[in-house]
Amino acid sequence: MTLLAQPNDRSCDRLGITASRRLGGAVVRNRAKRRLREIFRRHQQEACTQRLDFVAIPKRESILAPFAAIEADFRAAVDRLRARR
């Protein structure tokens, strides 16, 4: 997945997801978005000093990937983005 981040002035992180038709049909796109929202929800409570707006763009590989693999990729991407800021 591609994950973009921008600082925000809110009290929490926020997530936006864009899933184009190239990813697949409506069922596939919605499943990818549900999985990303659940991963974000699970890790949202982690303490951090910077608040970011994230935009996630799922890739075709994430359709068949296990949930744990997507979660690990998401966490690694978030950690890299937080380290840059």
PDB file of N, CA and C in Angstrom:
ATOM      1  N   MET A   1       0.836  -1.167   0.000  1.00  0.00           N
ATOM      2  CA  MET A   1       0.000   0.000   0.000  1.00  0.00           C
ATOM      3  C   MET A   1       0.882   1.232   0.000  1.00  0.00           C
ATOM      4  N   THR A   2       0.303   2.312  -0.433  1.00  0.00           N
ATOM      5  CA  THR A   2       0.964   3.601  -0.361  1.00  0.00           C
ATOM      6  C   THR A   2       0.305   4.371   0.767  1.00  0.00           C
ATOM      7  N   LEU A   3       1.122   4.970   1.615  1.00  0.00           N
ATOM      8  CA  LEU A   3       0.596   5.720   2.749  1.00  0.00           C
ATOM      9  C   LEU A   3       1.227   7.103   2.744  1.00  0.00           C
ATOM     10  N   LEU A   4       0.374   8.119   2.721  1.00  0.00           N
ATOM     11  CA  LEU A   4       0.815   9.510   2.751  1.00  0.00           C
ATOM     12  C   LEU A   4       0.398  10.117   4.078  1.00  0.00           C
ATOM     13  N   ALA A   5       1.130  11.130   4.530  1.00  0.00           N
ATOM     14  CA  ALA A   5       0.793  11.756   5.814  1.00  0.00           C
ATOM     15  C   ALA A   5       1.030  13.251   5.743  1.00  0.00           C
ATOM     16  N   GLN A   6       0.216  13.961   6.489  1.00  0.00           N
ATOM     17  CA  GLN A   6       0.301  15.408   6.605  1.00  0.00           C
ATOM     18  C   GLN A   6      -0.020  15.778   8.051  1.00  0.00           C
ATOM     19  N   PRO A   7       0.712  16.695   8.673  1.00  0.00           N
ATOM     20  CA  PRO A   7       0.385  17.089  10.051  1.00  0.00           C
ATOM     21  C   PRO A   7      -1.003  17.731  10.123  1.00  0.00           C
ATOM     22  N   ASN A   8      -1.685  17.537  11.238  1.00  0.00           N
ATOM     23  CA  ASN A   8      -2.966  18.197  11.447  1.00  0.00           C
ATOM     24  C   ASN A   8      -2.968  18.878  12.807  1.00  0.00           C
ATOM     25  N   ASP A   9      -3.948  19.724  13.044  1.00  0.00           N
ATOM     26  CA  ASP A   9      -4.032  20.430  14.314  1.00  0.00           C
ATOM     27  C   ASP A   9      -5.152  19.881  15.190  1.00  0.00           C
ATOM     28  N   ARG A  10      -5.587  18.680  14.905  1.00  0.00           N
ATOM     29  CA  ARG A  10      -6.634  18.026  15.687  1.00  0.00           C
ATOM     30  C   ARG A  10      -6.023  17.314  16.883  1.00  0.00           C
ATOM     31  N   SER A  11      -6.868  16.714  17.694  1.00  0.00           N
ATOM     32  CA  SER A  11      -6.371  16.006  18.877  1.00  0.00           C
ATOM     33  C   SER A  11      -6.122  14.522  18.605  1.00  0.00           C
ATOM     34  N   CYS A  12      -6.325  14.083  17.364  1.00  0.00           N
ATOM     35  CA  CYS A  12      -6.134  12.672  17.042  1.00  0.00           C
ATOM     36  C   CYS A  12      -5.706  12.514  15.585  1.00  0.00           C
ATOM     37  N   ASP A  13      -5.201  11.327  15.280  1.00  0.00           N
ATOM     38  CA  ASP A  13      -4.881  10.989  13.896  1.00  0.00           C
ATOM     39  C   ASP A  13      -6.166  10.741  13.132  1.00  0.00           C
ATOM     40  N   ARG A  14      -6.116  10.963  11.815  1.00  0.00           N
ATOM     41  CA  ARG A  14      -7.271  10.679  10.967  1.00  0.00           C
ATOM     42  C   ARG A  14      -6.809   9.861   9.765  1.00  0.00           C
ATOM     43  N   LEU A  15      -7.742   9.104   9.196  1.00  0.00           N
ATOM     44  CA  LEU A  15      -7.427   8.230   8.071  1.00  0.00           C
ATOM     45  C   LEU A  15      -8.390   8.495   6.928  1.00  0.00           C
ATOM     46  N   GLY A  16      -7.845   8.608   5.736  1.00  0.00           N
ATOM     47  CA  GLY A  16      -8.628   8.665   4.511  1.00  0.00           C
ATOM     48  C   GLY A  16      -8.161   7.538   3.615  1.00  0.00           C
ATOM     49  N   ILE A  17      -9.076   6.928   2.895  1.00  0.00           N
ATOM     50  CA  ILE A  17      -8.720   5.798   2.035  1.00  0.00           C
ATOM     51  C   ILE A  17      -9.248   6.070   0.632  1.00  0.00           C
ATOM     52  N   THR A  18      -8.400   5.877  -0.362  1.00  0.00           N
ATOM     53  CA  THR A  18      -8.834   5.980  -1.747  1.00  0.00           C
ATOM     54  C   THR A  18      -8.603   4.633  -2.404  1.00  0.00           C
ATOM     55  N   ALA A  19      -9.653   4.070  -2.941  1.00  0.00           N
ATOM     56  CA  ALA A  19      -9.570   2.781  -3.626  1.00  0.00           C
ATOM     57  C   ALA A  19     -10.234   2.950  -4.987  1.00  0.00           C
ATOM     58  N   SER A  20      -9.431   2.993  -6.029  1.00  0.00           N
ATOM     59  CA  SER A  20      -9.960   3.226  -7.363  1.00  0.00           C
ATOM     60  C   SER A  20     -10.494   1.929  -7.974  1.00  0.00           C
ATOM     61  N   ARG A  21     -11.150   2.051  -9.089  1.00  0.00           N
ATOM     62  CA  ARG A  21     -11.702   0.875  -9.769  1.00  0.00           C
ATOM     63  C   ARG A  21     -10.626  -0.075 -10.265  1.00  0.00           C
ATOM     64  N   ARG A  22      -9.417   0.426 -10.415  1.00  0.00           N
ATOM     65  CA  ARG A  22      -8.324  -0.453 -10.846  1.00  0.00           C
ATOM     66  C   ARG A  22      -8.053  -1.545  -9.821  1.00  0.00           C
ATOM     67  N   LEU A  23      -8.429  -1.289  -8.577  1.00  0.00           N
ATOM     68  CA  LEU A  23      -8.242  -2.276  -7.523  1.00  0.00           C
ATOM     69  C   LEU A  23      -9.160  -3.471  -7.724  1.00  0.00           C
ATOM     70  N   GLY A  24     -10.370  -3.214  -8.204  1.00  0.00           N
ATOM     71  CA  GLY A  24     -11.339  -4.284  -8.416  1.00  0.00           C
ATOM     72  C   GLY A  24     -12.750  -3.742  -8.326  1.00  0.00           C
ATOM     73  N   GLY A  25     -13.696  -4.645  -8.245  1.00  0.00           N
ATOM     74  CA  GLY A  25     -15.094  -4.260  -8.136  1.00  0.00           C
ATOM     75  C   GLY A  25     -15.415  -3.687  -6.768  1.00  0.00           C
ATOM     76  N   ALA A  26     -16.661  -3.309  -6.588  1.00  0.00           N
ATOM     77  CA  ALA A  26     -17.086  -2.667  -5.344  1.00  0.00           C
ATOM     78  C   ALA A  26     -16.841  -3.551  -4.126  1.00  0.00           C
ATOM     79  N   VAL A  27     -17.079  -4.836  -4.254  1.00  0.00           N
ATOM     80  CA  VAL A  27     -16.886  -5.752  -3.130  1.00  0.00           C
ATOM     81  C   VAL A  27     -15.411  -5.784  -2.717  1.00  0.00           C
ATOM     82  N   VAL A  28     -14.541  -5.844  -3.687  1.00  0.00           N
ATOM     83  CA  VAL A  28     -13.099  -5.888  -3.418  1.00  0.00           C
ATOM     84  C   VAL A  28     -12.635  -4.573  -2.804  1.00  0.00           C
ATOM     85  N   ARG A  29     -13.076  -3.455  -3.370  1.00  0.00           N
ATOM     86  CA  ARG A  29     -12.676  -2.145  -2.838  1.00  0.00           C
ATOM     87  C   ARG A  29     -13.158  -1.962  -1.407  1.00  0.00           C
ATOM     88  N   ASN A  30     -14.399  -2.338  -1.141  1.00  0.00           N
ATOM     89  CA  ASN A  30     -14.940  -2.185   0.210  1.00  0.00           C
ATOM     90  C   ASN A  30     -14.223  -3.078   1.213  1.00  0.00           C
ATOM     91  N   ARG A  31     -13.861  -4.284   0.809  1.00  0.00           N
ATOM     92  CA  ARG A  31     -13.121  -5.179   1.710  1.00  0.00           C
ATOM     93  C   ARG A  31     -11.758  -4.586   2.053  1.00  0.00           C
ATOM     94  N   ALA A  32     -11.078  -4.048   1.044  1.00  0.00           N
ATOM     95  CA  ALA A  32      -9.774  -3.430   1.281  1.00  0.00           C
ATOM     96  C   ALA A  32      -9.908  -2.246   2.237  1.00  0.00           C
ATOM     97  N   LYS A  33     -10.947  -1.444   2.066  1.00  0.00           N
ATOM     98  CA  LYS A  33     -11.150  -0.290   2.949  1.00  0.00           C
ATOM     99  C   LYS A  33     -11.505  -0.727   4.365  1.00  0.00           C
ATOM    100  N   ARG A  34     -12.339  -1.757   4.495  1.00  0.00           N
ATOM    101  CA  ARG A  34     -12.688  -2.254   5.835  1.00  0.00           C
ATOM    102  C   ARG A  34     -11.458  -2.747   6.573  1.00  0.00           C
ATOM    103  N   ARG A  35     -10.591  -3.460   5.876  1.00  0.00           N
ATOM    104  CA  ARG A  35      -9.389  -3.983   6.504  1.00  0.00           C
ATOM    105  C   ARG A  35      -8.474  -2.849   6.966  1.00  0.00           C
ATOM    106  N   LEU A  36      -8.296  -1.836   6.134  1.00  0.00           N
ATOM    107  CA  LEU A  36      -7.443  -0.710   6.516  1.00  0.00           C
ATOM    108  C   LEU A  36      -8.030   0.074   7.682  1.00  0.00           C
ATOM    109  N   ARG A  37      -9.338   0.272   7.686  1.00  0.00           N
ATOM    110  CA  ARG A  37      -9.966   0.981   8.806  1.00  0.00           C
ATOM    111  C   ARG A  37      -9.792   0.219  10.111  1.00  0.00           C
ATOM    112  N   GLU A  38      -9.896  -1.111  10.070  1.00  0.00           N
ATOM    113  CA  GLU A  38      -9.724  -1.921  11.272  1.00  0.00           C
ATOM    114  C   GLU A  38      -8.281  -1.842  11.780  1.00  0.00           C
ATOM    115  N   ILE A  39      -7.326  -1.893  10.878  1.00  0.00           N
ATOM    116  CA  ILE A  39      -5.921  -1.778  11.279  1.00  0.00           C
ATOM    117  C   ILE A  39      -5.676  -0.415  11.913  1.00  0.00           C
ATOM    118  N   PHE A  40      -6.194   0.627  11.311  1.00  0.00           N
ATOM    119  CA  PHE A  40      -6.031   1.976  11.865  1.00  0.00           C
ATOM    120  C   PHE A  40      -6.686   2.069  13.237  1.00  0.00           C
ATOM    121  N   ARG A  41      -7.868   1.513  13.386  1.00  0.00           N
ATOM    122  CA  ARG A  41      -8.579   1.555  14.663  1.00  0.00           C
ATOM    123  C   ARG A  41      -7.780   0.857  15.761  1.00  0.00           C
ATOM    124  N   ARG A  42      -7.182  -0.289  15.433  1.00  0.00           N
ATOM    125  CA  ARG A  42      -6.411  -1.051  16.424  1.00  0.00           C
ATOM    126  C   ARG A  42      -5.194  -0.289  16.932  1.00  0.00           C
ATOM    127  N   HIS A  43      -4.603   0.532  16.084  1.00  0.00           N
ATOM    128  CA  HIS A  43      -3.356   1.200  16.444  1.00  0.00           C
ATOM    129  C   HIS A  43      -3.535   2.688  16.709  1.00  0.00           C
ATOM    130  N   GLN A  44      -4.747   3.157  16.711  1.00  0.00           N
ATOM    131  CA  GLN A  44      -5.002   4.582  16.884  1.00  0.00           C
ATOM    132  C   GLN A  44      -4.709   5.063  18.295  1.00  0.00           C
ATOM    133  N   GLN A  45      -4.831   4.225  19.279  1.00  0.00           N
ATOM    134  CA  GLN A  45      -4.680   4.633  20.674  1.00  0.00           C
ATOM    135  C   GLN A  45      -3.230   4.755  21.119  1.00  0.00           C
ATOM    136  N   GLU A  46      -2.282   4.416  20.258  1.00  0.00           N
ATOM    137  CA  GLU A  46      -0.877   4.509  20.631  1.00  0.00           C
ATOM    138  C   GLU A  46      -0.504   5.957  20.890  1.00  0.00           C
ATOM    139  N   ALA A  47       0.225   6.182  21.967  1.00  0.00           N
ATOM    140  CA  ALA A  47       0.609   7.538  22.337  1.00  0.00           C
ATOM    141  C   ALA A  47       1.652   8.084  21.367  1.00  0.00           C
ATOM    142  N   CYS A  48       1.413   9.293  20.906  1.00  0.00           N
ATOM    143  CA  CYS A  48       2.391   9.963  20.052  1.00  0.00           C
ATOM    144  C   CYS A  48       2.216  11.469  20.215  1.00  0.00           C
ATOM    145  N   THR A  49       3.281  12.196  19.968  1.00  0.00           N
ATOM    146  CA  THR A  49       3.237  13.636  20.162  1.00  0.00           C
ATOM    147  C   THR A  49       2.741  14.355  18.913  1.00  0.00           C
ATOM    148  N   GLN A  50       2.945  13.772  17.747  1.00  0.00           N
ATOM    149  CA  GLN A  50       2.516  14.412  16.514  1.00  0.00           C
ATOM    150  C   GLN A  50       1.236  13.780  16.007  1.00  0.00           C
ATOM    151  N   ARG A  51       0.325  14.590  15.583  1.00  0.00           N
ATOM    152  CA  ARG A  51      -0.937  14.104  15.026  1.00  0.00           C
ATOM    153  C   ARG A  51      -0.900  14.286  13.519  1.00  0.00           C
ATOM    154  N   LEU A  52      -1.269  13.227  12.813  1.00  0.00           N
ATOM    155  CA  LEU A  52      -1.173  13.237  11.363  1.00  0.00           C
ATOM    156  C   LEU A  52      -2.492  12.849  10.716  1.00  0.00           C
ATOM    157  N   ASP A  53      -2.697  13.348   9.502  1.00  0.00           N
ATOM    158  CA  ASP A  53      -3.761  12.882   8.629  1.00  0.00           C
ATOM    159  C   ASP A  53      -3.111  11.892   7.671  1.00  0.00           C
ATOM    160  N   PHE A  54      -3.624  10.681   7.613  1.00  0.00           N
ATOM    161  CA  PHE A  54      -3.089   9.654   6.725  1.00  0.00           C
ATOM    162  C   PHE A  54      -4.030   9.442   5.560  1.00  0.00           C
ATOM    163  N   VAL A  55      -3.457   9.193   4.385  1.00  0.00           N
ATOM    164  CA  VAL A  55      -4.222   8.779   3.216  1.00  0.00           C
ATOM    165  C   VAL A  55      -3.619   7.460   2.759  1.00  0.00           C
ATOM    166  N   ALA A  56      -4.432   6.411   2.764  1.00  0.00           N
ATOM    167  CA  ALA A  56      -3.974   5.077   2.375  1.00  0.00           C
ATOM    168  C   ALA A  56      -4.510   4.748   0.989  1.00  0.00           C
ATOM    169  N   ILE A  57      -3.633   4.218   0.146  1.00  0.00           N
ATOM    170  CA  ILE A  57      -4.012   3.789  -1.193  1.00  0.00           C
ATOM    171  C   ILE A  57      -3.666   2.307  -1.299  1.00  0.00           C
ATOM    172  N   PRO A  58      -4.664   1.424  -1.193  1.00  0.00           N
ATOM    173  CA  PRO A  58      -4.379  -0.014  -1.254  1.00  0.00           C
ATOM    174  C   PRO A  58      -3.953  -0.444  -2.655  1.00  0.00           C
ATOM    175  N   LYS A  59      -3.118  -1.456  -2.724  1.00  0.00           N
ATOM    176  CA  LYS A  59      -2.639  -2.017  -3.989  1.00  0.00           C
ATOM    177  C   LYS A  59      -3.292  -3.377  -4.223  1.00  0.00           C
ATOM    178  N   ARG A  60      -3.210  -3.860  -5.425  1.00  0.00           N
ATOM    179  CA  ARG A  60      -3.820  -5.151  -5.783  1.00  0.00           C
ATOM    180  C   ARG A  60      -3.290  -6.307  -4.939  1.00  0.00           C
ATOM    181  N   GLU A  61      -2.043  -6.230  -4.547  1.00  0.00           N
ATOM    182  CA  GLU A  61      -1.440  -7.305  -3.756  1.00  0.00           C
ATOM    183  C   GLU A  61      -2.125  -7.461  -2.405  1.00  0.00           C
ATOM    184  N   SER A  62      -2.732  -6.394  -1.910  1.00  0.00           N
ATOM    185  CA  SER A  62      -3.367  -6.453  -0.592  1.00  0.00           C
ATOM    186  C   SER A  62      -4.695  -7.202  -0.607  1.00  0.00           C
ATOM    187  N   ILE A  63      -5.219  -7.473  -1.775  1.00  0.00           N
ATOM    188  CA  ILE A  63      -6.502  -8.177  -1.876  1.00  0.00           C
ATOM    189  C   ILE A  63      -6.384  -9.590  -1.327  1.00  0.00           C
ATOM    190  N   LEU A  64      -5.325 -10.283  -1.688  1.00  0.00           N
ATOM    191  CA  LEU A  64      -5.151 -11.679  -1.287  1.00  0.00           C
ATOM    192  C   LEU A  64      -4.195 -11.848  -0.105  1.00  0.00           C
ATOM    193  N   ALA A  65      -3.575 -10.757   0.328  1.00  0.00           N
ATOM    194  CA  ALA A  65      -2.602 -10.845   1.417  1.00  0.00           C
ATOM    195  C   ALA A  65      -3.298 -11.117   2.747  1.00  0.00           C
ATOM    196  N   PRO A  66      -2.655 -11.857   3.636  1.00  0.00           N
ATOM    197  CA  PRO A  66      -3.227 -12.082   4.967  1.00  0.00           C
ATOM    198  C   PRO A  66      -3.307 -10.768   5.751  1.00  0.00           C
ATOM    199  N   PHE A  67      -4.261 -10.717   6.649  1.00  0.00           N
ATOM    200  CA  PHE A  67      -4.487  -9.516   7.455  1.00  0.00           C
ATOM    201  C   PHE A  67      -3.227  -9.120   8.210  1.00  0.00           C
ATOM    202  N   ALA A  68      -2.519 -10.081   8.768  1.00  0.00           N
ATOM    203  CA  ALA A  68      -1.305  -9.797   9.546  1.00  0.00           C
ATOM    204  C   ALA A  68      -0.231  -9.137   8.682  1.00  0.00           C
ATOM    205  N   ALA A  69      -0.118  -9.542   7.437  1.00  0.00           N
ATOM    206  CA  ALA A  69       0.883  -8.944   6.547  1.00  0.00           C
ATOM    207  C   ALA A  69       0.530  -7.499   6.226  1.00  0.00           C
ATOM    208  N   ILE A  70      -0.736  -7.224   5.991  1.00  0.00           N
ATOM    209  CA  ILE A  70      -1.171  -5.855   5.715  1.00  0.00           C
ATOM    210  C   ILE A  70      -0.959  -4.987   6.946  1.00  0.00           C
ATOM    211  N   GLU A  71      -1.270  -5.550   8.114  1.00  0.00           N
ATOM    212  CA  GLU A  71      -1.092  -4.819   9.361  1.00  0.00           C
ATOM    213  C   GLU A  71       0.381  -4.473   9.584  1.00  0.00           C
ATOM    214  N   ALA A  72       1.262  -5.409   9.313  1.00  0.00           N
ATOM    215  CA  ALA A  72       2.698  -5.165   9.486  1.00  0.00           C
ATOM    216  C   ALA A  72       3.181  -4.085   8.512  1.00  0.00           C
ATOM    217  N   ASP A  73       2.711  -4.131   7.266  1.00  0.00           N
ATOM    218  CA  ASP A  73       3.080  -3.111   6.292  1.00  0.00           C
ATOM    219  C   ASP A  73       2.575  -1.732   6.719  1.00  0.00           C
ATOM    220  N   PHE A  74       1.355  -1.687   7.219  1.00  0.00           N
ATOM    221  CA  PHE A  74       0.781  -0.420   7.663  1.00  0.00           C
ATOM    222  C   PHE A  74       1.584   0.161   8.820  1.00  0.00           C
ATOM    223  N   ARG A  75       1.891  -0.685   9.816  1.00  0.00           N
ATOM    224  CA  ARG A  75       2.660  -0.223  10.979  1.00  0.00           C
ATOM    225  C   ARG A  75       4.040   0.269  10.560  1.00  0.00           C
ATOM    226  N   ALA A  76       4.699  -0.453   9.659  1.00  0.00           N
ATOM    227  CA  ALA A  76       6.025  -0.042   9.202  1.00  0.00           C
ATOM    228  C   ALA A  76       5.949   1.300   8.471  1.00  0.00           C
ATOM    229  N   ALA A  77       4.938   1.485   7.649  1.00  0.00           N
ATOM    230  CA  ALA A  77       4.781   2.740   6.912  1.00  0.00           C
ATOM    231  C   ALA A  77       4.506   3.895   7.871  1.00  0.00           C
ATOM    232  N   VAL A  78       3.657   3.670   8.870  1.00  0.00           N
ATOM    233  CA  VAL A  78       3.360   4.720   9.855  1.00  0.00           C
ATOM    234  C   VAL A  78       4.628   5.078  10.631  1.00  0.00           C
ATOM    235  N   ASP A  79       5.379   4.090  11.034  1.00  0.00           N
ATOM    236  CA  ASP A  79       6.614   4.344  11.784  1.00  0.00           C
ATOM    237  C   ASP A  79       7.606   5.157  10.951  1.00  0.00           C
ATOM    238  N   ARG A  80       7.738   4.821   9.659  1.00  0.00           N
ATOM    239  CA  ARG A  80       8.638   5.579   8.772  1.00  0.00           C
ATOM    240  C   ARG A  80       8.168   7.023   8.634  1.00  0.00           C
ATOM    241  N   LEU A  81       6.853   7.214   8.457  1.00  0.00           N
ATOM    242  CA  LEU A  81       6.327   8.571   8.290  1.00  0.00           C
ATOM    243  C   LEU A  81       6.500   9.402   9.564  1.00  0.00           C
ATOM    244  N   ARG A  82       6.297   8.789  10.712  1.00  0.00           N
ATOM    245  CA  ARG A  82       6.469   9.514  11.982  1.00  0.00           C
ATOM    246  C   ARG A  82       7.940   9.868  12.215  1.00  0.00           C
ATOM    247  N   ALA A  83       8.848   9.000  11.783  1.00  0.00           N
ATOM    248  CA  ALA A  83      10.275   9.269  11.946  1.00  0.00           C
ATOM    249  C   ALA A  83      10.712  10.443  11.079  1.00  0.00           C
ATOM    250  N   ARG A  84      10.102  10.609   9.928  1.00  0.00           N
ATOM    251  CA  ARG A  84      10.444  11.714   9.021  1.00  0.00           C
ATOM    252  C   ARG A  84       9.991  13.058   9.577  1.00  0.00           C
ATOM    253  N   ARG A  85       8.919  13.056  10.314  1.00  0.00           N
ATOM    254  CA  ARG A  85       8.336  14.331  10.790  1.00  0.00           C
ATOM    255  C   ARG A  85       9.053  14.805  11.982  1.00  0.00           C
TER     256      ARG A  85
END
